[in-house]
């Protein structure tokens, strides 16, 4: 098994639920980290070629990290309470 090591061209791995700011784009799919949830948006094609395989492997590896992280949490709640909408100051005011 080959170990993936980040290079100058490859960003450091995204650690699930570690922060509220990190994100990664795999193909056209963006994964946005959060401490309470992880958002996935966009679209990517998993073509029947090497590039499609690499995208599928990257998505699978991240999903496995998410499953492992959630499975290891002993006090995992049944669900999170609804988020209360917050007010953000207008940066143009």
PDB file of N, CA and C in Angstrom:
ATOM      1  N   UNK A   1       0.842  -1.177   0.000  1.00  0.00           N
ATOM      2  CA  UNK A   1       0.000   0.000   0.000  1.00  0.00           C
ATOM      3  C   UNK A   1       0.884   1.236   0.000  1.00  0.00           C
ATOM      4  N   UNK A   2       0.567   2.197  -0.824  1.00  0.00           N
ATOM      5  CA  UNK A   2       1.338   3.425  -0.937  1.00  0.00           C
ATOM      6  C   UNK A   2       0.807   4.465   0.036  1.00  0.00           C
ATOM      7  N   UNK A   3       1.708   5.125   0.728  1.00  0.00           N
ATOM      8  CA  UNK A   3       1.334   6.201   1.639  1.00  0.00           C
ATOM      9  C   UNK A   3       1.391   7.510   0.888  1.00  0.00           C
ATOM     10  N   UNK A   4       0.319   8.291   0.977  1.00  0.00           N
ATOM     11  CA  UNK A   4       0.267   9.579   0.304  1.00  0.00           C
ATOM     12  C   UNK A   4       0.887  10.627   1.212  1.00  0.00           C
ATOM     13  N   UNK A   5       1.875  11.327   0.695  1.00  0.00           N
ATOM     14  CA  UNK A   5       2.507  12.406   1.451  1.00  0.00           C
ATOM     15  C   UNK A   5       2.287  13.709   0.704  1.00  0.00           C
ATOM     16  N   UNK A   6       1.802  14.744   1.404  1.00  0.00           N
ATOM     17  CA  UNK A   6       1.586  16.022   0.733  1.00  0.00           C
ATOM     18  C   UNK A   6       2.889  16.595   0.179  1.00  0.00           C
ATOM     19  N   UNK A   7       2.808  17.217  -0.970  1.00  0.00           N
ATOM     20  CA  UNK A   7       3.944  17.924  -1.553  1.00  0.00           C
ATOM     21  C   UNK A   7       3.570  19.384  -1.651  1.00  0.00           C
ATOM     22  N   UNK A   8       4.420  20.180  -2.253  1.00  0.00           N
ATOM     23  CA  UNK A   8       4.112  21.602  -2.415  1.00  0.00           C
ATOM     24  C   UNK A   8       2.858  21.797  -3.253  1.00  0.00           C
ATOM     25  N   UNK A   9       2.602  20.867  -4.187  1.00  0.00           N
ATOM     26  CA  UNK A   9       1.421  20.956  -5.041  1.00  0.00           C
ATOM     27  C   UNK A   9       0.196  20.305  -4.432  1.00  0.00           C
ATOM     28  N   UNK A  10       0.376  19.494  -3.409  1.00  0.00           N
ATOM     29  CA  UNK A  10      -0.719  18.760  -2.788  1.00  0.00           C
ATOM     30  C   UNK A  10      -0.985  19.321  -1.405  1.00  0.00           C
ATOM     31  N   UNK A  11      -2.199  19.822  -1.138  1.00  0.00           N
ATOM     32  CA  UNK A  11      -2.488  20.356   0.190  1.00  0.00           C
ATOM     33  C   UNK A  11      -2.478  19.260   1.251  1.00  0.00           C
ATOM     34  N   UNK A  12      -2.295  19.670   2.492  1.00  0.00           N
ATOM     35  CA  UNK A  12      -2.331  18.721   3.614  1.00  0.00           C
ATOM     36  C   UNK A  12      -3.709  18.072   3.676  1.00  0.00           C
ATOM     37  N   UNK A  13      -3.784  16.865   4.218  1.00  0.00           N
ATOM     38  CA  UNK A  13      -5.076  16.171   4.291  1.00  0.00           C
ATOM     39  C   UNK A  13      -6.097  16.956   5.118  1.00  0.00           C
ATOM     40  N   UNK A  14      -7.349  16.834   4.727  1.00  0.00           N
ATOM     41  CA  UNK A  14      -8.453  17.461   5.441  1.00  0.00           C
ATOM     42  C   UNK A  14      -8.853  16.527   6.580  1.00  0.00           C
ATOM     43  N   UNK A  15      -8.822  17.012   7.815  1.00  0.00           N
ATOM     44  CA  UNK A  15      -9.166  16.212   8.984  1.00  0.00           C
ATOM     45  C   UNK A  15     -10.630  16.471   9.325  1.00  0.00           C
ATOM     46  N   UNK A  16     -11.490  15.448   9.237  1.00  0.00           N
ATOM     47  CA  UNK A  16     -12.918  15.663   9.487  1.00  0.00           C
ATOM     48  C   UNK A  16     -13.206  16.274  10.857  1.00  0.00           C
ATOM     49  N   UNK A  17     -14.057  17.286  10.872  1.00  0.00           N
ATOM     50  CA  UNK A  17     -14.546  17.947  12.086  1.00  0.00           C
ATOM     51  C   UNK A  17     -13.458  18.669  12.874  1.00  0.00           C
ATOM     52  N   UNK A  18     -12.291  18.925  12.263  1.00  0.00           N
ATOM     53  CA  UNK A  18     -11.175  19.530  12.987  1.00  0.00           C
ATOM     54  C   UNK A  18     -11.292  21.046  13.107  1.00  0.00           C
ATOM     55  N   UNK A  19     -11.972  21.687  12.158  1.00  0.00           N
ATOM     56  CA  UNK A  19     -12.053  23.145  12.178  1.00  0.00           C
ATOM     57  C   UNK A  19     -13.250  23.606  11.362  1.00  0.00           C
ATOM     58  N   UNK A  20     -13.474  24.893  11.355  1.00  0.00           N
ATOM     59  CA  UNK A  20     -14.592  25.477  10.618  1.00  0.00           C
ATOM     60  C   UNK A  20     -14.127  26.248   9.386  1.00  0.00           C
ATOM     61  N   UNK A  21     -12.934  25.948   8.887  1.00  0.00           N
ATOM     62  CA  UNK A  21     -12.434  26.765   7.783  1.00  0.00           C
ATOM     63  C   UNK A  21     -11.834  25.987   6.619  1.00  0.00           C
ATOM     64  N   UNK A  22     -11.377  24.782   6.845  1.00  0.00           N
ATOM     65  CA  UNK A  22     -10.687  24.052   5.789  1.00  0.00           C
ATOM     66  C   UNK A  22     -11.668  23.509   4.764  1.00  0.00           C
ATOM     67  N   UNK A  23     -11.237  23.498   3.521  1.00  0.00           N
ATOM     68  CA  UNK A  23     -12.041  22.898   2.461  1.00  0.00           C
ATOM     69  C   UNK A  23     -11.116  22.282   1.430  1.00  0.00           C
ATOM     70  N   UNK A  24     -11.663  21.416   0.618  1.00  0.00           N
ATOM     71  CA  UNK A  24     -10.899  20.729  -0.416  1.00  0.00           C
ATOM     72  C   UNK A  24     -11.812  20.514  -1.594  1.00  0.00           C
ATOM     73  N   UNK A  25     -11.302  20.640  -2.783  1.00  0.00           N
ATOM     74  CA  UNK A  25     -12.061  20.368  -3.987  1.00  0.00           C
ATOM     75  C   UNK A  25     -11.498  19.127  -4.653  1.00  0.00           C
ATOM     76  N   UNK A  26     -12.377  18.185  -4.931  1.00  0.00           N
ATOM     77  CA  UNK A  26     -12.011  16.942  -5.614  1.00  0.00           C
ATOM     78  C   UNK A  26     -12.809  16.924  -6.903  1.00  0.00           C
ATOM     79  N   UNK A  27     -12.134  17.105  -8.016  1.00  0.00           N
ATOM     80  CA  UNK A  27     -12.856  17.283  -9.270  1.00  0.00           C
ATOM     81  C   UNK A  27     -13.651  18.566  -9.136  1.00  0.00           C
ATOM     82  N   UNK A  28     -14.953  18.510  -9.277  1.00  0.00           N
ATOM     83  CA  UNK A  28     -15.807  19.670  -9.079  1.00  0.00           C
ATOM     84  C   UNK A  28     -16.567  19.611  -7.769  1.00  0.00           C
ATOM     85  N   UNK A  29     -16.256  18.645  -6.907  1.00  0.00           N
ATOM     86  CA  UNK A  29     -16.944  18.459  -5.628  1.00  0.00           C
ATOM     87  C   UNK A  29     -16.141  19.143  -4.531  1.00  0.00           C
ATOM     88  N   UNK A  30     -16.786  20.062  -3.815  1.00  0.00           N
ATOM     89  CA  UNK A  30     -16.124  20.751  -2.711  1.00  0.00           C
ATOM     90  C   UNK A  30     -16.560  20.134  -1.393  1.00  0.00           C
ATOM     91  N   UNK A  31     -15.593  19.860  -0.543  1.00  0.00           N
ATOM     92  CA  UNK A  31     -15.825  19.341   0.801  1.00  0.00           C
ATOM     93  C   UNK A  31     -15.431  20.467   1.748  1.00  0.00           C
ATOM     94  N   UNK A  32     -16.397  20.949   2.542  1.00  0.00           N
ATOM     95  CA  UNK A  32     -16.166  22.065   3.453  1.00  0.00           C
ATOM     96  C   UNK A  32     -16.263  21.560   4.883  1.00  0.00           C
ATOM     97  N   UNK A  33     -15.180  21.673   5.613  1.00  0.00           N
ATOM     98  CA  UNK A  33     -15.092  21.138   6.967  1.00  0.00           C
ATOM     99  C   UNK A  33     -15.837  22.031   7.955  1.00  0.00           C
ATOM    100  N   UNK A  34     -16.308  21.435   9.009  1.00  0.00           N
ATOM    101  CA  UNK A  34     -16.919  22.134  10.126  1.00  0.00           C
ATOM    102  C   UNK A  34     -16.745  21.290  11.371  1.00  0.00           C
ATOM    103  N   UNK A  35     -16.857  21.892  12.546  1.00  0.00           N
ATOM    104  CA  UNK A  35     -16.698  21.111  13.773  1.00  0.00           C
ATOM    105  C   UNK A  35     -17.949  20.306  14.100  1.00  0.00           C
ATOM    106  N   UNK A  36     -19.116  20.737  13.594  1.00  0.00           N
ATOM    107  CA  UNK A  36     -20.368  20.013  13.836  1.00  0.00           C
ATOM    108  C   UNK A  36     -20.879  19.278  12.607  1.00  0.00           C
ATOM    109  N   UNK A  37     -20.473  19.717  11.428  1.00  0.00           N
ATOM    110  CA  UNK A  37     -20.943  19.071  10.203  1.00  0.00           C
ATOM    111  C   UNK A  37     -19.941  19.312   9.078  1.00  0.00           C
ATOM    112  N   UNK A  38     -20.075  18.519   8.041  1.00  0.00           N
ATOM    113  CA  UNK A  38     -19.240  18.639   6.854  1.00  0.00           C
ATOM    114  C   UNK A  38     -20.178  18.810   5.675  1.00  0.00           C
ATOM    115  N   UNK A  39     -19.932  19.820   4.863  1.00  0.00           N
ATOM    116  CA  UNK A  39     -20.791  20.096   3.707  1.00  0.00           C
ATOM    117  C   UNK A  39     -20.114  19.595   2.437  1.00  0.00           C
ATOM    118  N   UNK A  40     -20.916  18.993   1.568  1.00  0.00           N
ATOM    119  CA  UNK A  40     -20.466  18.556   0.253  1.00  0.00           C
ATOM    120  C   UNK A  40     -21.331  19.272  -0.768  1.00  0.00           C
ATOM    121  N   UNK A  41     -20.717  19.924  -1.717  1.00  0.00           N
ATOM    122  CA  UNK A  41     -21.503  20.548  -2.774  1.00  0.00           C
ATOM    123  C   UNK A  41     -20.703  20.581  -4.061  1.00  0.00           C
ATOM    124  N   UNK A  42     -21.415  20.767  -5.140  1.00  0.00           N
ATOM    125  CA  UNK A  42     -20.791  20.777  -6.449  1.00  0.00           C
ATOM    126  C   UNK A  42     -21.120  19.498  -7.194  1.00  0.00           C
ATOM    127  N   UNK A  43     -20.326  19.224  -8.190  1.00  0.00           N
ATOM    128  CA  UNK A  43     -20.557  18.051  -9.020  1.00  0.00           C
ATOM    129  C   UNK A  43     -19.224  17.581  -9.572  1.00  0.00           C
ATOM    130  N   UNK A  44     -19.046  16.296  -9.619  1.00  0.00           N
ATOM    131  CA  UNK A  44     -17.876  15.741 -10.277  1.00  0.00           C
ATOM    132  C   UNK A  44     -18.293  14.469 -10.992  1.00  0.00           C
ATOM    133  N   UNK A  45     -17.605  14.158 -12.051  1.00  0.00           N
ATOM    134  CA  UNK A  45     -17.855  12.923 -12.784  1.00  0.00           C
ATOM    135  C   UNK A  45     -16.791  11.916 -12.421  1.00  0.00           C
ATOM    136  N   UNK A  46     -17.217  10.694 -12.213  1.00  0.00           N
ATOM    137  CA  UNK A  46     -16.286   9.600 -11.999  1.00  0.00           C
ATOM    138  C   UNK A  46     -16.242   8.811 -13.304  1.00  0.00           C
ATOM    139  N   UNK A  47     -15.425   9.308 -14.221  1.00  0.00           N
ATOM    140  CA  UNK A  47     -15.297   8.673 -15.527  1.00  0.00           C
ATOM    141  C   UNK A  47     -14.554   7.341 -15.407  1.00  0.00           C
ATOM    142  N   UNK A  48     -14.732   6.534 -16.386  1.00  0.00           N
ATOM    143  CA  UNK A  48     -14.092   5.216 -16.409  1.00  0.00           C
ATOM    144  C   UNK A  48     -12.680   5.361 -16.974  1.00  0.00           C
ATOM    145  N   UNK A  49     -11.851   6.097 -16.221  1.00  0.00           N
ATOM    146  CA  UNK A  49     -10.454   6.309 -16.593  1.00  0.00           C
ATOM    147  C   UNK A  49      -9.642   6.508 -15.313  1.00  0.00           C
ATOM    148  N   UNK A  50      -8.347   6.752 -15.473  1.00  0.00           N
ATOM    149  CA  UNK A  50      -7.487   6.914 -14.289  1.00  0.00           C
ATOM    150  C   UNK A  50      -7.868   8.134 -13.452  1.00  0.00           C
ATOM    151  N   UNK A  51      -8.234   9.220 -14.120  1.00  0.00           N
ATOM    152  CA  UNK A  51      -8.637  10.425 -13.378  1.00  0.00           C
ATOM    153  C   UNK A  51      -9.903  10.152 -12.568  1.00  0.00           C
ATOM    154  N   UNK A  52     -10.857   9.416 -13.140  1.00  0.00           N
ATOM    155  CA  UNK A  52     -12.071   9.055 -12.418  1.00  0.00           C
ATOM    156  C   UNK A  52     -11.762   8.166 -11.231  1.00  0.00           C
ATOM    157  N   UNK A  53     -10.840   7.241 -11.422  1.00  0.00           N
ATOM    158  CA  UNK A  53     -10.429   6.361 -10.330  1.00  0.00           C
ATOM    159  C   UNK A  53      -9.794   7.169  -9.204  1.00  0.00           C
ATOM    160  N   UNK A  54      -8.931   8.117  -9.554  1.00  0.00           N
ATOM    161  CA  UNK A  54      -8.277   8.931  -8.526  1.00  0.00           C
ATOM    162  C   UNK A  54      -9.298   9.770  -7.752  1.00  0.00           C
ATOM    163  N   UNK A  55     -10.278  10.350  -8.444  1.00  0.00           N
ATOM    164  CA  UNK A  55     -11.322  11.122  -7.752  1.00  0.00           C
ATOM    165  C   UNK A  55     -12.133  10.218  -6.840  1.00  0.00           C
ATOM    166  N   UNK A  56     -12.497   9.029  -7.330  1.00  0.00           N
ATOM    167  CA  UNK A  56     -13.279   8.096  -6.515  1.00  0.00           C
ATOM    168  C   UNK A  56     -12.492   7.674  -5.279  1.00  0.00           C
ATOM    169  N   UNK A  57     -11.208   7.414  -5.433  1.00  0.00           N
ATOM    170  CA  UNK A  57     -10.381   7.006  -4.296  1.00  0.00           C
ATOM    171  C   UNK A  57     -10.244   8.137  -3.275  1.00  0.00           C
ATOM    172  N   UNK A  58     -10.100   9.374  -3.757  1.00  0.00           N
ATOM    173  CA  UNK A  58      -9.979  10.517  -2.845  1.00  0.00           C
ATOM    174  C   UNK A  58     -11.271  10.717  -2.061  1.00  0.00           C
ATOM    175  N   UNK A  59     -12.423  10.617  -2.742  1.00  0.00           N
ATOM    176  CA  UNK A  59     -13.705  10.751  -2.049  1.00  0.00           C
ATOM    177  C   UNK A  59     -13.911   9.609  -1.061  1.00  0.00           C
ATOM    178  N   UNK A  60     -13.615   8.394  -1.479  1.00  0.00           N
ATOM    179  CA  UNK A  60     -13.763   7.231  -0.604  1.00  0.00           C
ATOM    180  C   UNK A  60     -12.879   7.350   0.632  1.00  0.00           C
ATOM    181  N   UNK A  61     -11.643   7.789   0.451  1.00  0.00           N
ATOM    182  CA  UNK A  61     -10.726   7.937   1.589  1.00  0.00           C
ATOM    183  C   UNK A  61     -11.260   8.960   2.584  1.00  0.00           C
ATOM    184  N   UNK A  62     -11.794  10.076   2.071  1.00  0.00           N
ATOM    185  CA  UNK A  62     -12.322  11.075   2.994  1.00  0.00           C
ATOM    186  C   UNK A  62     -13.575  10.571   3.691  1.00  0.00           C
ATOM    187  N   UNK A  63     -14.484   9.946   2.944  1.00  0.00           N
ATOM    188  CA  UNK A  63     -15.685   9.379   3.571  1.00  0.00           C
ATOM    189  C   UNK A  63     -15.309   8.362   4.649  1.00  0.00           C
ATOM    190  N   UNK A  64     -14.268   7.563   4.404  1.00  0.00           N
ATOM    191  CA  UNK A  64     -13.852   6.582   5.410  1.00  0.00           C
ATOM    192  C   UNK A  64     -13.327   7.285   6.655  1.00  0.00           C
ATOM    193  N   UNK A  65     -12.607   8.389   6.483  1.00  0.00           N
ATOM    194  CA  UNK A  65     -12.145   9.165   7.639  1.00  0.00           C
ATOM    195  C   UNK A  65     -13.320   9.697   8.443  1.00  0.00           C
ATOM    196  N   UNK A  66     -14.357  10.170   7.745  1.00  0.00           N
ATOM    197  CA  UNK A  66     -15.553  10.693   8.427  1.00  0.00           C
ATOM    198  C   UNK A  66     -16.211   9.571   9.227  1.00  0.00           C
ATOM    199  N   UNK A  67     -16.396   8.400   8.612  1.00  0.00           N
ATOM    200  CA  UNK A  67     -17.022   7.262   9.290  1.00  0.00           C
ATOM    201  C   UNK A  67     -16.189   6.848  10.497  1.00  0.00           C
ATOM    202  N   UNK A  68     -14.874   6.771  10.345  1.00  0.00           N
ATOM    203  CA  UNK A  68     -14.003   6.383  11.457  1.00  0.00           C
ATOM    204  C   UNK A  68     -14.079   7.390  12.600  1.00  0.00           C
ATOM    205  N   UNK A  69     -14.094   8.674  12.268  1.00  0.00           N
ATOM    206  CA  UNK A  69     -14.170   9.715  13.295  1.00  0.00           C
ATOM    207  C   UNK A  69     -15.489   9.639  14.060  1.00  0.00           C
ATOM    208  N   UNK A  70     -16.595   9.507  13.322  1.00  0.00           N
ATOM    209  CA  UNK A  70     -17.902   9.422  13.982  1.00  0.00           C
ATOM    210  C   UNK A  70     -18.030   8.132  14.792  1.00  0.00           C
ATOM    211  N   UNK A  71     -17.537   7.038  14.276  1.00  0.00           N
ATOM    212  CA  UNK A  71     -17.621   5.753  14.986  1.00  0.00           C
ATOM    213  C   UNK A  71     -16.822   5.756  16.277  1.00  0.00           C
ATOM    214  N   UNK A  72     -15.734   6.500  16.315  1.00  0.00           N
ATOM    215  CA  UNK A  72     -14.882   6.539  17.503  1.00  0.00           C
ATOM    216  C   UNK A  72     -15.454   7.423  18.606  1.00  0.00           C
ATOM    217  N   UNK A  73     -16.429   8.262  18.268  1.00  0.00           N
ATOM    218  CA  UNK A  73     -17.012   9.158  19.275  1.00  0.00           C
ATOM    219  C   UNK A  73     -18.046   8.389  20.089  1.00  0.00           C
ATOM    220  N   UNK A  74     -17.742   8.158  21.356  1.00  0.00           N
ATOM    221  CA  UNK A  74     -18.600   7.338  22.221  1.00  0.00           C
ATOM    222  C   UNK A  74     -19.898   8.042  22.604  1.00  0.00           C
ATOM    223  N   UNK A  75     -19.869   9.379  22.707  1.00  0.00           N
ATOM    224  CA  UNK A  75     -21.045  10.125  23.144  1.00  0.00           C
ATOM    225  C   UNK A  75     -21.760  10.794  21.968  1.00  0.00           C
ATOM    226  N   UNK A  76     -21.786  10.131  20.841  1.00  0.00           N
ATOM    227  CA  UNK A  76     -22.412  10.683  19.638  1.00  0.00           C
ATOM    228  C   UNK A  76     -23.915  10.844  19.862  1.00  0.00           C
ATOM    229  N   UNK A  77     -24.442  12.067  19.726  1.00  0.00           N
ATOM    230  CA  UNK A  77     -25.881  12.270  19.959  1.00  0.00           C
ATOM    231  C   UNK A  77     -26.707  11.687  18.810  1.00  0.00           C
ATOM    232  N   UNK A  78     -27.986  11.456  19.069  1.00  0.00           N
ATOM    233  CA  UNK A  78     -28.882  10.975  18.015  1.00  0.00           C
ATOM    234  C   UNK A  78     -29.017  12.010  16.909  1.00  0.00           C
ATOM    235  N   UNK A  79     -29.066  13.281  17.280  1.00  0.00           N
ATOM    236  CA  UNK A  79     -29.104  14.373  16.304  1.00  0.00           C
ATOM    237  C   UNK A  79     -28.656  15.651  16.995  1.00  0.00           C
ATOM    238  N   UNK A  80     -28.243  16.615  16.201  1.00  0.00           N
ATOM    239  CA  UNK A  80     -27.844  17.917  16.741  1.00  0.00           C
ATOM    240  C   UNK A  80     -29.063  18.824  16.812  1.00  0.00           C
ATOM    241  N   UNK A  81     -29.087  19.744  17.763  1.00  0.00           N
ATOM    242  CA  UNK A  81     -30.198  20.692  17.808  1.00  0.00           C
ATOM    243  C   UNK A  81     -30.149  21.588  16.578  1.00  0.00           C
ATOM    244  N   UNK A  82     -31.309  22.115  16.171  1.00  0.00           N
ATOM    245  CA  UNK A  82     -31.314  23.009  15.007  1.00  0.00           C
ATOM    246  C   UNK A  82     -30.442  24.234  15.253  1.00  0.00           C
ATOM    247  N   UNK A  83     -29.809  24.694  14.201  1.00  0.00           N
ATOM    248  CA  UNK A  83     -28.970  25.886  14.332  1.00  0.00           C
ATOM    249  C   UNK A  83     -29.837  27.131  14.383  1.00  0.00           C
ATOM    250  N   UNK A  84     -29.457  28.038  15.252  1.00  0.00           N
ATOM    251  CA  UNK A  84     -30.157  29.313  15.345  1.00  0.00           C
ATOM    252  C   UNK A  84     -29.520  30.257  14.329  1.00  0.00           C
ATOM    253  N   UNK A  85     -30.356  30.945  13.548  1.00  0.00           N
ATOM    254  CA  UNK A  85     -29.775  31.880  12.585  1.00  0.00           C
ATOM    255  C   UNK A  85     -29.061  33.008  13.309  1.00  0.00           C
ATOM    256  N   UNK A  86     -27.905  33.357  12.813  1.00  0.00           N
ATOM    257  CA  UNK A  86     -27.128  34.430  13.405  1.00  0.00           C
ATOM    258  C   UNK A  86     -27.172  35.672  12.527  1.00  0.00           C
ATOM    259  N   UNK A  87     -26.816  36.767  13.113  1.00  0.00           N
ATOM    260  CA  UNK A  87     -26.788  38.025  12.375  1.00  0.00           C
ATOM    261  C   UNK A  87     -25.332  38.380  12.111  1.00  0.00           C
ATOM    262  N   UNK A  88     -25.026  38.642  10.863  1.00  0.00           N
ATOM    263  CA  UNK A  88     -23.669  39.011  10.479  1.00  0.00           C
ATOM    264  C   UNK A  88     -23.678  40.481  10.097  1.00  0.00           C
ATOM    265  N   UNK A  89     -22.731  41.262  10.645  1.00  0.00           N
ATOM    266  CA  UNK A  89     -22.697  42.682  10.304  1.00  0.00           C
ATOM    267  C   UNK A  89     -22.427  42.877   8.804  1.00  0.00           C
ATOM    268  N   UNK A  90     -23.056  43.896   8.239  1.00  0.00           N
ATOM    269  CA  UNK A  90     -22.876  44.213   6.829  1.00  0.00           C
ATOM    270  C   UNK A  90     -21.477  44.780   6.614  1.00  0.00           C
ATOM    271  N   UNK A  91     -20.632  44.089   5.834  1.00  0.00           N
ATOM    272  CA  UNK A  91     -19.275  44.587   5.649  1.00  0.00           C
ATOM    273  C   UNK A  91     -19.211  45.823   4.756  1.00  0.00           C
ATOM    274  N   UNK A  92     -20.310  46.161   4.084  1.00  0.00           N
ATOM    275  CA  UNK A  92     -20.333  47.304   3.177  1.00  0.00           C
ATOM    276  C   UNK A  92     -20.967  48.541   3.810  1.00  0.00           C
ATOM    277  N   UNK A  93     -21.413  48.408   5.066  1.00  0.00           N
ATOM    278  CA  UNK A  93     -22.074  49.545   5.723  1.00  0.00           C
ATOM    279  C   UNK A  93     -21.072  50.533   6.258  1.00  0.00           C
TER     280      UNK A  93
END
